[in-house]
Amino acid sequence: QVQLIESGGGLVQAGGSLTLSCAGSGRPFSGYIIGWFRQGPGKEREFVAAIRWSSGSTYYGDSVSGRFTISRDYAKNAVLLQMSSLKPEDTAVYYCAVPREFTIPIPTTESGYIHWGQGTQVTVSS
């Protein structure tokens, strides 16, 4: 099975940018959708973005559309989440996850994903 490790979190001022990475090991990403979720303090886990590795097709949550970009890093077998115009409400633990291999529609709910990373903290100060 695939193992996922997130990195790149940190503290950033509002309006700033940050790039997260989700590195995969154990199996290549070629047959997977890779998703990003986040969970803020006292909030439910929220879908952020997802990408189908084979085609590069992407899907974004409404709250981040136009500000975040998800992409593939072939050299590192990783998925990047480039975050810009950050707001204090983007503060959360960010997780990457994958559903079952060869899943056809891109899942946008937590229940659609079966393997999760440990998460990386992003804090946006006002």
Foldseek 3Di string as FASTA:
>chain_A
DKAWAKDWADEAAAQAKTKMKIFIDDDQLQQWKKFKWWDDVPGDIFTAKIARNNPRDMDGDPVQPPFWDWGADVVRSMIMIIGGNHDQVVWTWMKMFIAPGNDDDDDGDPVRTDHIYPTDTHGYHD
